[in-house]
Amino acid sequence: MSTDPRADRRAELLTQFLRAQGDLAAEAQVLAEAQRYDNAHPREDSLVAELCAAVAGDPWGVAA
């Protein structure tokens, strides 16, 4: 774990999302949590876009 709690949370949600692949309810739950994170941290890059790019195989900046 890093000393940055936000980076830790982003990594945790990314891991949860990748593990949830194939379970649509679990994917939706993680995406909803990522959207709440994005709403709470509007100056950061979109976590939802990063998660979607991760499963699409694109660099996260391409999806943003």
PDB file of N, CA and C in Angstrom:
ATOM      1  N   MET A   1       0.827  -1.180   0.000  1.00  0.00           N
ATOM      2  CA  MET A   1       0.000   0.000   0.000  1.00  0.00           C
ATOM      3  C   MET A   1       0.877   1.251   0.000  1.00  0.00           C
ATOM      4  N   SER A   2       0.363   2.269  -0.654  1.00  0.00           N
ATOM      5  CA  SER A   2       1.099   3.523  -0.710  1.00  0.00           C
ATOM      6  C   SER A   2       0.720   4.394   0.488  1.00  0.00           C
ATOM      7  N   THR A   3       1.312   5.557   0.560  1.00  0.00           N
ATOM      8  CA  THR A   3       0.971   6.496   1.613  1.00  0.00           C
ATOM      9  C   THR A   3      -0.162   7.419   1.178  1.00  0.00           C
ATOM     10  N   ASP A   4      -0.659   7.218  -0.034  1.00  0.00           N
ATOM     11  CA  ASP A   4      -1.748   8.039  -0.576  1.00  0.00           C
ATOM     12  C   ASP A   4      -3.048   7.245  -0.514  1.00  0.00           C
ATOM     13  N   PRO A   5      -3.950   7.590   0.414  1.00  0.00           N
ATOM     14  CA  PRO A   5      -5.186   6.820   0.548  1.00  0.00           C
ATOM     15  C   PRO A   5      -6.059   6.857  -0.705  1.00  0.00           C
ATOM     16  N   ARG A   6      -6.001   7.952  -1.454  1.00  0.00           N
ATOM     17  CA  ARG A   6      -6.798   8.019  -2.693  1.00  0.00           C
ATOM     18  C   ARG A   6      -6.262   7.033  -3.724  1.00  0.00           C
ATOM     19  N   ALA A   7      -4.958   6.968  -3.862  1.00  0.00           N
ATOM     20  CA  ALA A   7      -4.361   6.014  -4.807  1.00  0.00           C
ATOM     21  C   ALA A   7      -4.680   4.584  -4.383  1.00  0.00           C
ATOM     22  N   ASP A   8      -4.645   4.339  -3.095  1.00  0.00           N
ATOM     23  CA  ASP A   8      -4.986   3.009  -2.584  1.00  0.00           C
ATOM     24  C   ASP A   8      -6.431   2.659  -2.918  1.00  0.00           C
ATOM     25  N   ARG A   9      -7.339   3.615  -2.731  1.00  0.00           N
ATOM     26  CA  ARG A   9      -8.765   3.363  -3.010  1.00  0.00           C
ATOM     27  C   ARG A   9      -8.987   3.116  -4.495  1.00  0.00           C
ATOM     28  N   ARG A  10      -8.323   3.899  -5.338  1.00  0.00           N
ATOM     29  CA  ARG A  10      -8.455   3.701  -6.791  1.00  0.00           C
ATOM     30  C   ARG A  10      -7.964   2.308  -7.173  1.00  0.00           C
ATOM     31  N   ALA A  11      -6.828   1.903  -6.623  1.00  0.00           N
ATOM     32  CA  ALA A  11      -6.279   0.579  -6.924  1.00  0.00           C
ATOM     33  C   ALA A  11      -7.216  -0.519  -6.434  1.00  0.00           C
ATOM     34  N   GLU A  12      -7.809  -0.308  -5.264  1.00  0.00           N
ATOM     35  CA  GLU A  12      -8.746  -1.283  -4.708  1.00  0.00           C
ATOM     36  C   GLU A  12      -9.969  -1.446  -5.616  1.00  0.00           C
ATOM     37  N   LEU A  13     -10.516  -0.329  -6.091  1.00  0.00           N
ATOM     38  CA  LEU A  13     -11.689  -0.398  -6.963  1.00  0.00           C
ATOM     39  C   LEU A  13     -11.337  -1.008  -8.318  1.00  0.00           C
ATOM     40  N   LEU A  14     -10.157  -0.711  -8.835  1.00  0.00           N
ATOM     41  CA  LEU A  14      -9.731  -1.326 -10.092  1.00  0.00           C
ATOM     42  C   LEU A  14      -9.630  -2.840  -9.931  1.00  0.00           C
ATOM     43  N   THR A  15      -9.040  -3.281  -8.849  1.00  0.00           N
ATOM     44  CA  THR A  15      -8.919  -4.721  -8.588  1.00  0.00           C
ATOM     45  C   THR A  15     -10.297  -5.361  -8.461  1.00  0.00           C
ATOM     46  N   GLN A  16     -11.193  -4.722  -7.729  1.00  0.00           N
ATOM     47  CA  GLN A  16     -12.553  -5.255  -7.574  1.00  0.00           C
ATOM     48  C   GLN A  16     -13.258  -5.349  -8.919  1.00  0.00           C
ATOM     49  N   PHE A  17     -13.079  -4.331  -9.754  1.00  0.00           N
ATOM     50  CA  PHE A  17     -13.747  -4.315 -11.054  1.00  0.00           C
ATOM     51  C   PHE A  17     -13.222  -5.431 -11.952  1.00  0.00           C
ATOM     52  N   LEU A  18     -11.925  -5.626 -11.960  1.00  0.00           N
ATOM     53  CA  LEU A  18     -11.353  -6.691 -12.789  1.00  0.00           C
ATOM     54  C   LEU A  18     -11.812  -8.067 -12.298  1.00  0.00           C
ATOM     55  N   ARG A  19     -11.905  -8.238 -11.000  1.00  0.00           N
ATOM     56  CA  ARG A  19     -12.379  -9.511 -10.449  1.00  0.00           C
ATOM     57  C   ARG A  19     -13.861  -9.734 -10.721  1.00  0.00           C
ATOM     58  N   ALA A  20     -14.618  -8.664 -10.887  1.00  0.00           N
ATOM     59  CA  ALA A  20     -16.061  -8.752 -11.091  1.00  0.00           C
ATOM     60  C   ALA A  20     -16.448  -9.075 -12.533  1.00  0.00           C
ATOM     61  N   GLN A  21     -15.495  -9.079 -13.438  1.00  0.00           N
ATOM     62  CA  GLN A  21     -15.819  -9.288 -14.849  1.00  0.00           C
ATOM     63  C   GLN A  21     -16.624 -10.571 -15.028  1.00  0.00           C
ATOM     64  N   GLY A  22     -17.724 -10.458 -15.773  1.00  0.00           N
ATOM     65  CA  GLY A  22     -18.607 -11.588 -16.012  1.00  0.00           C
ATOM     66  C   GLY A  22     -19.797 -11.618 -15.067  1.00  0.00           C
ATOM     67  N   ASP A  23     -19.734 -10.849 -13.983  1.00  0.00           N
ATOM     68  CA  ASP A  23     -20.840 -10.741 -13.029  1.00  0.00           C
ATOM     69  C   ASP A  23     -21.377  -9.313 -13.150  1.00  0.00           C
ATOM     70  N   LEU A  24     -22.413  -9.151 -13.963  1.00  0.00           N
ATOM     71  CA  LEU A  24     -22.901  -7.803 -14.282  1.00  0.00           C
ATOM     72  C   LEU A  24     -23.335  -7.018 -13.052  1.00  0.00           C
ATOM     73  N   ALA A  25     -23.946  -7.678 -12.093  1.00  0.00           N
ATOM     74  CA  ALA A  25     -24.366  -6.976 -10.880  1.00  0.00           C
ATOM     75  C   ALA A  25     -23.156  -6.462 -10.110  1.00  0.00           C
ATOM     76  N   ALA A  26     -22.131  -7.280  -9.991  1.00  0.00           N
ATOM     77  CA  ALA A  26     -20.919  -6.864  -9.282  1.00  0.00           C
ATOM     78  C   ALA A  26     -20.208  -5.746 -10.045  1.00  0.00           C
ATOM     79  N   GLU A  27     -20.163  -5.851 -11.374  1.00  0.00           N
ATOM     80  CA  GLU A  27     -19.547  -4.792 -12.182  1.00  0.00           C
ATOM     81  C   GLU A  27     -20.274  -3.475 -11.960  1.00  0.00           C
ATOM     82  N   ALA A  28     -21.609  -3.513 -11.990  1.00  0.00           N
ATOM     83  CA  ALA A  28     -22.409  -2.299 -11.806  1.00  0.00           C
ATOM     84  C   ALA A  28     -22.184  -1.699 -10.420  1.00  0.00           C
ATOM     85  N   GLN A  29     -22.055  -2.550  -9.424  1.00  0.00           N
ATOM     86  CA  GLN A  29     -21.828  -2.081  -8.062  1.00  0.00           C
ATOM     87  C   GLN A  29     -20.486  -1.347  -7.960  1.00  0.00           C
ATOM     88  N   VAL A  30     -19.449  -1.912  -8.572  1.00  0.00           N
ATOM     89  CA  VAL A  30     -18.133  -1.270  -8.522  1.00  0.00           C
ATOM     90  C   VAL A  30     -18.141   0.025  -9.336  1.00  0.00           C
ATOM     91  N   LEU A  31     -18.799   0.016 -10.481  1.00  0.00           N
ATOM     92  CA  LEU A  31     -18.887   1.237 -11.286  1.00  0.00           C
ATOM     93  C   LEU A  31     -19.636   2.338 -10.529  1.00  0.00           C
ATOM     94  N   ALA A  32     -20.676   1.966  -9.800  1.00  0.00           N
ATOM     95  CA  ALA A  32     -21.410   2.958  -9.005  1.00  0.00           C
ATOM     96  C   ALA A  32     -20.505   3.543  -7.921  1.00  0.00           C
ATOM     97  N   GLU A  33     -19.720   2.697  -7.293  1.00  0.00           N
ATOM     98  CA  GLU A  33     -18.786   3.185  -6.271  1.00  0.00           C
ATOM     99  C   GLU A  33     -17.721   4.081  -6.908  1.00  0.00           C
ATOM    100  N   ALA A  34     -17.259   3.715  -8.087  1.00  0.00           N
ATOM    101  CA  ALA A  34     -16.273   4.536  -8.793  1.00  0.00           C
ATOM    102  C   ALA A  34     -16.876   5.891  -9.171  1.00  0.00           C
ATOM    103  N   GLN A  35     -18.154   5.899  -9.549  1.00  0.00           N
ATOM    104  CA  GLN A  35     -18.810   7.173  -9.870  1.00  0.00           C
ATOM    105  C   GLN A  35     -18.923   8.046  -8.631  1.00  0.00           C
ATOM    106  N   ARG A  36     -19.223   7.439  -7.489  1.00  0.00           N
ATOM    107  CA  ARG A  36     -19.260   8.205  -6.239  1.00  0.00           C
ATOM    108  C   ARG A  36     -17.872   8.791  -5.937  1.00  0.00           C
ATOM    109  N   TYR A  37     -16.832   7.988  -6.185  1.00  0.00           N
ATOM    110  CA  TYR A  37     -15.462   8.471  -5.988  1.00  0.00           C
ATOM    111  C   TYR A  37     -15.200   9.663  -6.917  1.00  0.00           C
ATOM    112  N   ASP A  38     -15.576   9.522  -8.193  1.00  0.00           N
ATOM    113  CA  ASP A  38     -15.375  10.615  -9.150  1.00  0.00           C
ATOM    114  C   ASP A  38     -16.115  11.880  -8.715  1.00  0.00           C
ATOM    115  N   ASN A  39     -17.341  11.715  -8.235  1.00  0.00           N
ATOM    116  CA  ASN A  39     -18.119  12.871  -7.788  1.00  0.00           C
ATOM    117  C   ASN A  39     -17.454  13.562  -6.597  1.00  0.00           C
ATOM    118  N   ALA A  40     -16.839  12.784  -5.721  1.00  0.00           N
ATOM    119  CA  ALA A  40     -16.178  13.339  -4.541  1.00  0.00           C
ATOM    120  C   ALA A  40     -14.818  13.961  -4.857  1.00  0.00           C
ATOM    121  N   HIS A  41     -14.231  13.574  -5.987  1.00  0.00           N
ATOM    122  CA  HIS A  41     -12.890  14.059  -6.364  1.00  0.00           C
ATOM    123  C   HIS A  41     -12.898  14.544  -7.822  1.00  0.00           C
ATOM    124  N   PRO A  42     -13.632  15.620  -8.096  1.00  0.00           N
ATOM    125  CA  PRO A  42     -13.812  16.063  -9.489  1.00  0.00           C
ATOM    126  C   PRO A  42     -12.542  16.549 -10.185  1.00  0.00           C
ATOM    127  N   ARG A  43     -11.508  16.873  -9.450  1.00  0.00           N
ATOM    128  CA  ARG A  43     -10.267  17.366 -10.078  1.00  0.00           C
ATOM    129  C   ARG A  43      -9.345  16.229 -10.520  1.00  0.00           C
ATOM    130  N   GLU A  44      -9.649  15.013 -10.086  1.00  0.00           N
ATOM    131  CA  GLU A  44      -8.838  13.857 -10.473  1.00  0.00           C
ATOM    132  C   GLU A  44      -9.343  13.303 -11.805  1.00  0.00           C
ATOM    133  N   ASP A  45      -8.488  12.531 -12.473  1.00  0.00           N
ATOM    134  CA  ASP A  45      -8.904  11.844 -13.685  1.00  0.00           C
ATOM    135  C   ASP A  45     -10.039  10.884 -13.336  1.00  0.00           C
ATOM    136  N   SER A  46     -10.938  10.682 -14.277  1.00  0.00           N
ATOM    137  CA  SER A  46     -12.108   9.842 -14.044  1.00  0.00           C
ATOM    138  C   SER A  46     -11.724   8.389 -13.767  1.00  0.00           C
ATOM    139  N   LEU A  47     -12.150   7.898 -12.628  1.00  0.00           N
ATOM    140  CA  LEU A  47     -11.921   6.498 -12.286  1.00  0.00           C
ATOM    141  C   LEU A  47     -12.820   5.603 -13.127  1.00  0.00           C
ATOM    142  N   VAL A  48     -14.045   6.028 -13.396  1.00  0.00           N
ATOM    143  CA  VAL A  48     -14.950   5.235 -14.238  1.00  0.00           C
ATOM    144  C   VAL A  48     -14.327   5.027 -15.615  1.00  0.00           C
ATOM    145  N   ALA A  49     -13.776   6.076 -16.204  1.00  0.00           N
ATOM    146  CA  ALA A  49     -13.130   5.956 -17.511  1.00  0.00           C
ATOM    147  C   ALA A  49     -11.935   5.014 -17.441  1.00  0.00           C
ATOM    148  N   GLU A  50     -11.181   5.085 -16.354  1.00  0.00           N
ATOM    149  CA  GLU A  50     -10.025   4.203 -16.187  1.00  0.00           C
ATOM    150  C   GLU A  50     -10.462   2.740 -16.105  1.00  0.00           C
ATOM    151  N   LEU A  51     -11.535   2.468 -15.360  1.00  0.00           N
ATOM    152  CA  LEU A  51     -12.023   1.092 -15.239  1.00  0.00           C
ATOM    153  C   LEU A  51     -12.507   0.560 -16.582  1.00  0.00           C
ATOM    154  N   CYS A  52     -13.258   1.368 -17.302  1.00  0.00           N
ATOM    155  CA  CYS A  52     -13.764   0.941 -18.612  1.00  0.00           C
ATOM    156  C   CYS A  52     -12.627   0.702 -19.594  1.00  0.00           C
ATOM    157  N   ALA A  53     -11.617   1.554 -19.562  1.00  0.00           N
ATOM    158  CA  ALA A  53     -10.473   1.372 -20.449  1.00  0.00           C
ATOM    159  C   ALA A  53      -9.686   0.123 -20.082  1.00  0.00           C
ATOM    160  N   ALA A  54      -9.634  -0.200 -18.801  1.00  0.00           N
ATOM    161  CA  ALA A  54      -8.871  -1.367 -18.358  1.00  0.00           C
ATOM    162  C   ALA A  54      -9.431  -2.654 -18.956  1.00  0.00           C
ATOM    163  N   VAL A  55     -10.732  -2.758 -19.037  1.00  0.00           N
ATOM    164  CA  VAL A  55     -11.322  -3.978 -19.592  1.00  0.00           C
ATOM    165  C   VAL A  55     -11.378  -3.942 -21.104  1.00  0.00           C
ATOM    166  N   ALA A  56     -11.298  -2.749 -21.688  1.00  0.00           N
ATOM    167  CA  ALA A  56     -11.291  -2.623 -23.139  1.00  0.00           C
ATOM    168  C   ALA A  56      -9.872  -2.813 -23.697  1.00  0.00           C
ATOM    169  N   GLY A  57      -8.879  -2.770 -22.810  1.00  0.00           N
ATOM    170  CA  GLY A  57      -7.497  -2.942 -23.233  1.00  0.00           C
ATOM    171  C   GLY A  57      -6.862  -1.658 -23.733  1.00  0.00           C
ATOM    172  N   ASP A  58      -7.512  -0.532 -23.494  1.00  0.00           N
ATOM    173  CA  ASP A  58      -6.980   0.765 -23.927  1.00  0.00           C
ATOM    174  C   ASP A  58      -6.252   1.428 -22.772  1.00  0.00           C
ATOM    175  N   PRO A  59      -5.264   2.269 -23.102  1.00  0.00           N
ATOM    176  CA  PRO A  59      -4.694   3.097 -22.041  1.00  0.00           C
ATOM    177  C   PRO A  59      -5.812   3.963 -21.475  1.00  0.00           C
ATOM    178  N   TRP A  60      -5.875   4.157 -20.134  1.00  0.00           N
ATOM    179  CA  TRP A  60      -7.022   4.834 -19.535  1.00  0.00           C
ATOM    180  C   TRP A  60      -7.228   6.221 -20.089  1.00  0.00           C
ATOM    181  N   GLY A  61      -6.196   6.912 -20.486  1.00  0.00           N
ATOM    182  CA  GLY A  61      -6.346   8.259 -21.020  1.00  0.00           C
ATOM    183  C   GLY A  61      -7.095   8.305 -22.340  1.00  0.00           C
ATOM    184  N   VAL A  62      -7.102   7.205 -23.082  1.00  0.00           N
ATOM    185  CA  VAL A  62      -7.794   7.163 -24.367  1.00  0.00           C
ATOM    186  C   VAL A  62      -9.295   7.191 -24.160  1.00  0.00           C
ATOM    187  N   ALA A  63      -9.790   6.548 -23.105  1.00  0.00           N
ATOM    188  CA  ALA A  63     -11.218   6.470 -22.856  1.00  0.00           C
ATOM    189  C   ALA A  63     -11.763   7.746 -22.231  1.00  0.00           C
ATOM    190  N   ALA A  64     -10.885   8.535 -21.647  1.00  0.00           N
ATOM    191  CA  ALA A  64     -11.344   9.740 -20.935  1.00  0.00           C
ATOM    192  C   ALA A  64     -11.812  10.820 -21.882  1.00  0.00           C
TER     193      ALA A  64
END
